[in-house]
Protein backbone atom coordinates (compact mmCIF):
# COMPACT_ATOMS: atom_id res chain seq x y z
CA MET A 1 0.00 0.13 -0.08
CA ASP A 2 3.06 2.46 0.83
CA ALA A 3 4.08 1.66 -2.79
CA GLU A 4 0.69 2.62 -4.12
CA ARG A 5 0.77 6.13 -2.29
CA VAL A 6 4.17 6.86 -3.59
CA GLY A 7 2.99 6.44 -7.17
CA LYS A 8 -0.08 8.29 -6.84
CA ALA A 9 1.97 11.45 -5.19
CA ILE A 10 4.54 10.94 -8.28
CA LEU A 11 1.66 11.23 -10.91
CA LEU A 12 -0.07 14.25 -9.00
CA ALA A 13 3.12 16.15 -8.82
CA LEU A 14 3.77 15.49 -12.27
CA THR A 15 0.53 16.40 -13.18
CA VAL A 16 0.64 19.58 -11.12
CA MET A 17 4.03 20.33 -12.84
CA LEU A 18 2.70 19.66 -16.73
CA PHE A 19 -0.23 21.91 -16.06
CA ALA A 20 1.97 25.07 -14.51
CA ALA A 21 4.48 24.80 -17.20
CA LEU A 22 1.30 24.92 -19.51
CA GLY A 23 0.35 27.68 -18.13
CA GLY A 24 3.45 29.66 -17.88
CA PHE A 25 3.56 28.91 -21.52
CA ALA A 26 0.11 30.19 -22.41
CA ALA A 27 0.88 33.61 -20.17
CA TRP A 28 4.31 33.72 -21.79
CA PHE A 29 2.68 33.39 -25.66
CA HIS A 30 -0.40 35.61 -24.46
CA ALA A 31 2.11 38.52 -23.88
CA GLY A 32 3.04 38.63 -27.40
CA VAL A 33 -0.22 38.85 -28.85
CA PRO A 34 -0.96 41.77 -30.90
CA PRO A 35 -3.64 44.39 -30.27
CA GLY A 36 -7.20 43.26 -31.30
CA CYS A 37 -9.46 44.83 -33.42
CA THR A 38 -11.30 46.96 -31.39
CA ASP A 39 -7.89 47.90 -29.15
CA PRO A 40 -7.52 51.86 -29.42
CA ARG A 41 -4.04 51.34 -30.60
CA THR A 42 -5.08 49.47 -33.85
CA LEU A 43 -7.60 51.92 -34.68
CA ALA A 44 -5.34 54.87 -34.23
CA MET A 45 -3.05 53.05 -36.97
CA VAL A 46 -6.31 52.27 -39.04
CA HIS A 47 -7.65 55.67 -38.92
CA GLU A 48 -3.63 56.91 -39.89
CA SER A 49 -4.44 55.10 -43.16
CA PHE A 50 -7.68 57.05 -43.77
CA VAL A 51 -5.15 60.07 -44.37
CA ARG A 52 -2.63 58.15 -46.97
CA HIS A 53 -5.99 56.80 -48.73
CA HIS A 54 -7.12 60.33 -49.08
CA LEU A 55 -10.18 59.83 -47.18
CA PRO A 56 -12.31 62.91 -45.65
CA PRO A 57 -11.50 63.33 -41.96
CA SER A 58 -15.55 62.53 -41.27
CA THR A 59 -14.61 58.89 -42.05
CA GLN A 60 -15.94 56.82 -39.33
CA ILE A 61 -15.34 52.44 -39.10
CA VAL A 62 -18.73 51.03 -37.00
CA ALA A 63 -19.81 47.48 -36.90
CA ILE A 64 -16.48 46.17 -36.38
CA ARG A 65 -15.84 42.43 -36.73
CA THR A 66 -13.29 39.56 -35.44
CA LEU A 67 -12.74 37.42 -38.90
CA ALA A 68 -9.62 35.78 -37.35
CA GLY A 69 -7.89 35.66 -34.14
CA GLY A 70 -8.30 34.83 -30.29
CA PRO A 71 -6.33 34.96 -27.06
CA LEU A 72 -3.38 33.33 -28.39
CA ALA A 73 -3.55 34.59 -31.92
CA LEU A 74 -0.63 35.44 -33.75
CA ARG A 75 -2.81 37.86 -35.80
CA PHE A 76 -6.24 39.44 -35.95
CA VAL A 77 -8.17 40.25 -39.08
CA CYS A 78 -10.81 42.74 -38.70
CA GLN A 79 -13.61 43.79 -40.99
CA ALA A 80 -15.62 46.84 -40.32
CA GLN A 81 -18.13 49.13 -42.22
CA LEU A 82 -17.01 52.65 -43.41
CA ILE A 83 -19.20 55.59 -42.55
CA GLY A 84 -19.10 59.46 -43.18
CA ILE A 85 -18.03 59.47 -46.26
CA ARG A 86 -20.17 61.70 -48.65
CA ARG A 87 -19.62 61.23 -52.89
CA THR A 88 -19.01 64.74 -52.89
CA ASP A 89 -15.68 64.31 -50.81
CA LEU A 90 -14.38 62.18 -53.05
CA PRO A 91 -13.15 62.90 -56.96
CA PRO A 92 -15.40 62.17 -60.17
CA ASP A 93 -16.14 58.84 -60.42
CA THR A 94 -14.47 57.45 -57.43
CA PRO A 95 -16.77 54.69 -55.87
CA VAL A 96 -18.05 55.37 -52.27
CA PRO A 97 -15.94 52.70 -50.26
CA GLY A 98 -18.22 50.95 -47.85
CA GLU A 99 -16.17 48.47 -46.32
CA ILE A 100 -12.45 47.88 -44.65
CA THR A 101 -10.75 44.81 -43.65
CA TYR A 102 -7.38 45.30 -41.78
CA THR A 103 -5.11 43.04 -39.92
CA SER A 104 -3.17 43.47 -37.08
CA GLN A 105 0.18 41.84 -36.04
CA LEU A 106 3.31 42.06 -34.02
CA THR A 107 6.60 42.04 -36.46
CA ASP A 108 10.24 42.24 -35.83
CA HIS A 109 10.22 39.69 -32.82
CA ARG A 110 7.00 40.57 -31.84
CA THR A 111 8.13 44.11 -30.97
CA ARG A 112 6.68 46.61 -33.69
CA HIS A 113 2.57 46.65 -34.04
CA GLU A 114 1.68 46.86 -37.54
CA VAL A 115 -1.81 47.13 -39.47
CA THR A 116 -2.40 46.52 -42.76
CA VAL A 117 -5.41 47.81 -44.38
CA ARG A 118 -7.58 47.18 -47.64
CA ILE A 119 -10.92 49.39 -48.63
CA GLU A 120 -13.40 48.01 -50.65
CA PRO A 121 -14.49 48.63 -53.51
CA LEU A 122 -10.80 49.60 -54.09
CA LEU A 123 -10.39 53.33 -54.43
CA ARG A 124 -9.52 54.67 -57.65
CA TRP A 125 -8.31 58.43 -58.61
CA GLU A 126 -8.11 58.45 -62.23
CA LYS A 127 -9.80 56.38 -64.77
CA ALA A 128 -7.91 53.19 -66.41
CA GLN A 129 -6.86 53.73 -70.03
């Protein structure tokens, strides 16, 4: 009976160490997860891209959805609707963009936050020849 107790104690100790190691790994990995779709840092970078895309200052994003990503994600893929864009604020023959897809990820060994933005329909500033 003594050997049985020792065996159970060893098994219990190994189980506790395994769960502690898994919990420690998850905590370490989670510390390197990029900011999510609605994180203020991500949204600030998305709004900065509006300037590069020459969208009017009244442009806002609403109905933000996470398409991919989670607590242990390496990146988040997000989608939202664009509002506040008037046709008169855009060059002639430019479609009014209605949807935005953006990706939030960490680069350079998880030290730099990067957001890539795609606006649909694609903005055209000149007619194709």
